[in-house]
Protein backbone atom coordinates (compact mmCIF):
# COMPACT_ATOMS: atom_id res chain seq x y z
CA MET A 1 16.61 178.96 -192.35
CA LYS A 2 17.85 175.83 -190.62
CA ALA A 3 15.24 176.30 -187.94
CA THR A 4 12.68 176.44 -190.41
CA VAL A 5 13.92 172.74 -192.43
CA PHE A 6 14.36 171.53 -188.82
CA LEU A 7 10.88 172.69 -187.55
CA THR A 8 9.30 171.34 -191.00
CA ALA A 9 10.96 168.17 -190.72
CA MET A 10 9.95 167.54 -187.15
CA CYS A 11 6.31 168.64 -188.25
CA GLY A 12 6.56 165.93 -190.91
CA THR A 13 7.35 163.40 -188.59
CA LEU A 14 4.91 163.96 -186.06
CA ALA A 15 2.18 164.27 -188.55
CA SER A 16 2.95 160.67 -189.92
CA ALA A 17 3.04 159.22 -186.33
CA ALA A 18 -0.68 160.80 -185.85
CA LEU A 19 -2.39 157.67 -185.97
CA TRP A 20 -1.57 154.05 -184.03
CA ALA A 21 -3.25 150.87 -184.50
CA GLN A 22 -2.85 147.63 -182.67
CA PHE A 23 -4.73 143.87 -183.48
CA CYS A 24 -6.71 142.34 -180.78
CA ASP A 25 -8.14 138.95 -180.39
CA ASP A 26 -11.89 140.19 -180.26
CA THR A 27 -14.11 142.53 -182.41
CA SER A 28 -14.75 145.38 -179.12
CA CYS A 29 -10.60 145.50 -178.95
CA ASN A 30 -10.25 144.66 -175.33
CA GLU A 31 -8.67 141.31 -175.62
CA ASN A 32 -4.91 140.75 -176.24
CA CYS A 33 -4.25 143.56 -178.19
CA GLY A 34 -0.42 143.62 -179.48
CA ILE A 35 1.87 146.69 -179.73
CA ALA A 36 0.74 149.63 -181.33
CA VAL A 37 2.13 150.20 -184.36
CA ASP A 38 2.20 153.37 -186.65
CA VAL A 39 -0.27 153.40 -189.55
CA GLY A 40 2.01 155.77 -191.63
CA ASN A 41 4.89 152.92 -191.92
CA SER A 42 3.83 150.75 -195.01
CA ASP A 43 5.85 147.98 -193.87
CA CYS A 44 4.15 144.45 -193.90
CA LEU A 45 2.90 143.29 -190.37
CA ALA A 46 3.13 139.42 -190.45
CA HIS A 47 1.83 136.95 -187.80
CA GLU A 48 -1.19 138.93 -186.96
CA GLY A 49 -3.66 136.40 -188.70
CA GLY A 50 -6.89 135.20 -186.87
CA ARG A 51 -7.13 138.58 -185.25
CA ARG A 52 -10.56 139.93 -185.02
CA GLY A 53 -10.19 143.84 -184.44
CA ILE A 54 -7.85 146.75 -184.99
CA LYS A 55 -7.81 149.53 -181.92
CA ILE A 56 -7.32 152.84 -183.60
CA HIS A 57 -5.16 155.68 -181.51
CA GLY A 58 -5.24 159.16 -182.45
CA GLY A 59 -6.50 160.70 -185.87
CA ASN A 60 -7.61 164.06 -187.27
CA PHE A 61 -5.23 163.97 -189.98
CA PRO A 62 -5.70 164.74 -193.52
CA GLY A 63 -7.08 162.14 -195.85
CA HIS A 64 -7.58 158.48 -195.06
CA TYR A 65 -5.40 155.34 -194.89
CA GLN A 66 -6.38 151.65 -196.01
CA MET A 67 -5.58 148.76 -194.11
CA VAL A 68 -4.56 146.03 -197.18
CA PHE A 69 -5.17 142.32 -196.18
CA SER A 70 -2.92 139.61 -197.41
CA PRO A 71 -3.56 135.82 -197.56
CA GLY A 72 0.22 135.18 -197.30
CA PRO A 73 2.63 135.76 -194.41
CA ASP A 74 4.52 138.26 -196.68
CA CYS A 75 2.12 140.90 -197.85
CA ASN A 76 2.98 139.25 -201.17
CA CYS A 77 -0.60 140.71 -202.81
CA GLN A 78 -3.65 141.92 -201.50
CA ASN A 79 -7.36 140.43 -201.37
CA ASP A 80 -9.33 142.82 -199.20
CA CYS A 81 -9.00 146.16 -197.78
CA ILE A 82 -10.88 148.73 -195.50
CA ALA A 83 -10.43 152.56 -194.96
CA ILE A 84 -9.58 154.08 -191.87
CA PRO A 85 -10.80 157.85 -191.95
CA GLY A 86 -8.36 160.39 -191.08
CA SER A 87 -11.23 162.08 -188.87
CA GLY A 88 -13.71 160.44 -186.80
CA ALA A 89 -11.87 157.29 -186.98
CA PRO A 90 -13.80 154.59 -184.78
CA SER A 91 -11.62 153.53 -182.06
CA CYS A 92 -12.33 149.59 -182.85
CA ILE A 93 -12.62 148.59 -186.28
CA ASP A 94 -14.10 144.66 -186.28
CA ILE A 95 -12.38 143.35 -189.44
CA THR A 96 -14.18 139.50 -188.92
CA GLY A 97 -16.20 140.11 -192.35
CA ASN A 98 -13.00 140.55 -194.28
CA ALA A 99 -10.98 138.30 -196.40
CA ALA A 100 -9.05 135.91 -194.10
CA ALA A 101 -5.62 137.18 -193.87
CA GLN A 102 -2.42 136.51 -192.38
CA SER A 103 -0.41 139.86 -193.03
CA PHE A 104 -1.10 143.50 -193.27
CA ARG A 105 -0.05 146.81 -194.51
CA PHE A 106 -1.35 150.35 -194.49
CA GLN A 107 -1.24 152.60 -197.37
CA GLN A 108 -3.02 156.30 -197.88
CA THR A 109 -4.16 155.19 -201.50
CA THR A 110 -7.11 153.23 -202.08
CA CYS A 111 -6.79 149.90 -202.91
CA LEU A 112 -10.02 149.33 -204.91
CA GLU A 113 -10.59 150.18 -208.30
CA LYS A 114 -14.23 150.68 -207.95
CA GLU A 115 -13.53 153.39 -205.56
CA GLY A 116 -11.59 155.27 -208.79
CA GLY A 117 -8.57 155.33 -207.09
CA PRO A 118 -4.74 153.85 -208.16
CA GLY A 119 -5.18 150.57 -206.49
CA VAL A 120 -5.53 147.11 -207.87
CA GLY A 121 -8.19 145.79 -206.06
CA ASN A 122 -7.88 141.59 -205.45
CA ASN A 123 -4.50 140.71 -207.24
CA CYS A 124 -3.71 137.49 -205.48
CA LYS A 125 -3.67 134.62 -208.04
CA PRO A 126 -6.69 131.87 -207.65
CA LYS A 127 -5.59 128.48 -208.22
CA ASN A 128 -5.84 128.58 -211.60
CA GLY A 129 -3.50 131.33 -211.81
CA THR A 130 -5.20 134.25 -213.20
CA ALA A 131 -5.38 137.25 -211.03
CA LEU A 132 -8.84 138.45 -209.67
CA ARG A 133 -9.86 142.16 -209.20
CA ALA A 134 -12.06 143.99 -206.81
């Protein structure tokens, strides 16, 4: 019984670390790529603003992840997101067409209401103080 619990816990840990991402300065993911981060970790990634590409390593996990864009340095709201598929993920994702961001985070649920998910779309407040919706 203990061995089964241990193996189950280990498999869960390995599965969550199946996909890694690196922020890069160019759209072909060759220039000045940062350290690889576990996409299964939903913590805020600050100091990546101005990056142009995301290099993806690993894959073939069930479902997909969303990379959420935040205009501020502390992931306080989301103004855009992109899907990262679990299987067949591209090795480099050009993020220059997305909203400007200073921080990012990953999540397994969609962040777009129009996709029928539980996400909130764009919940950053514009200057007039009303939240926007994607």
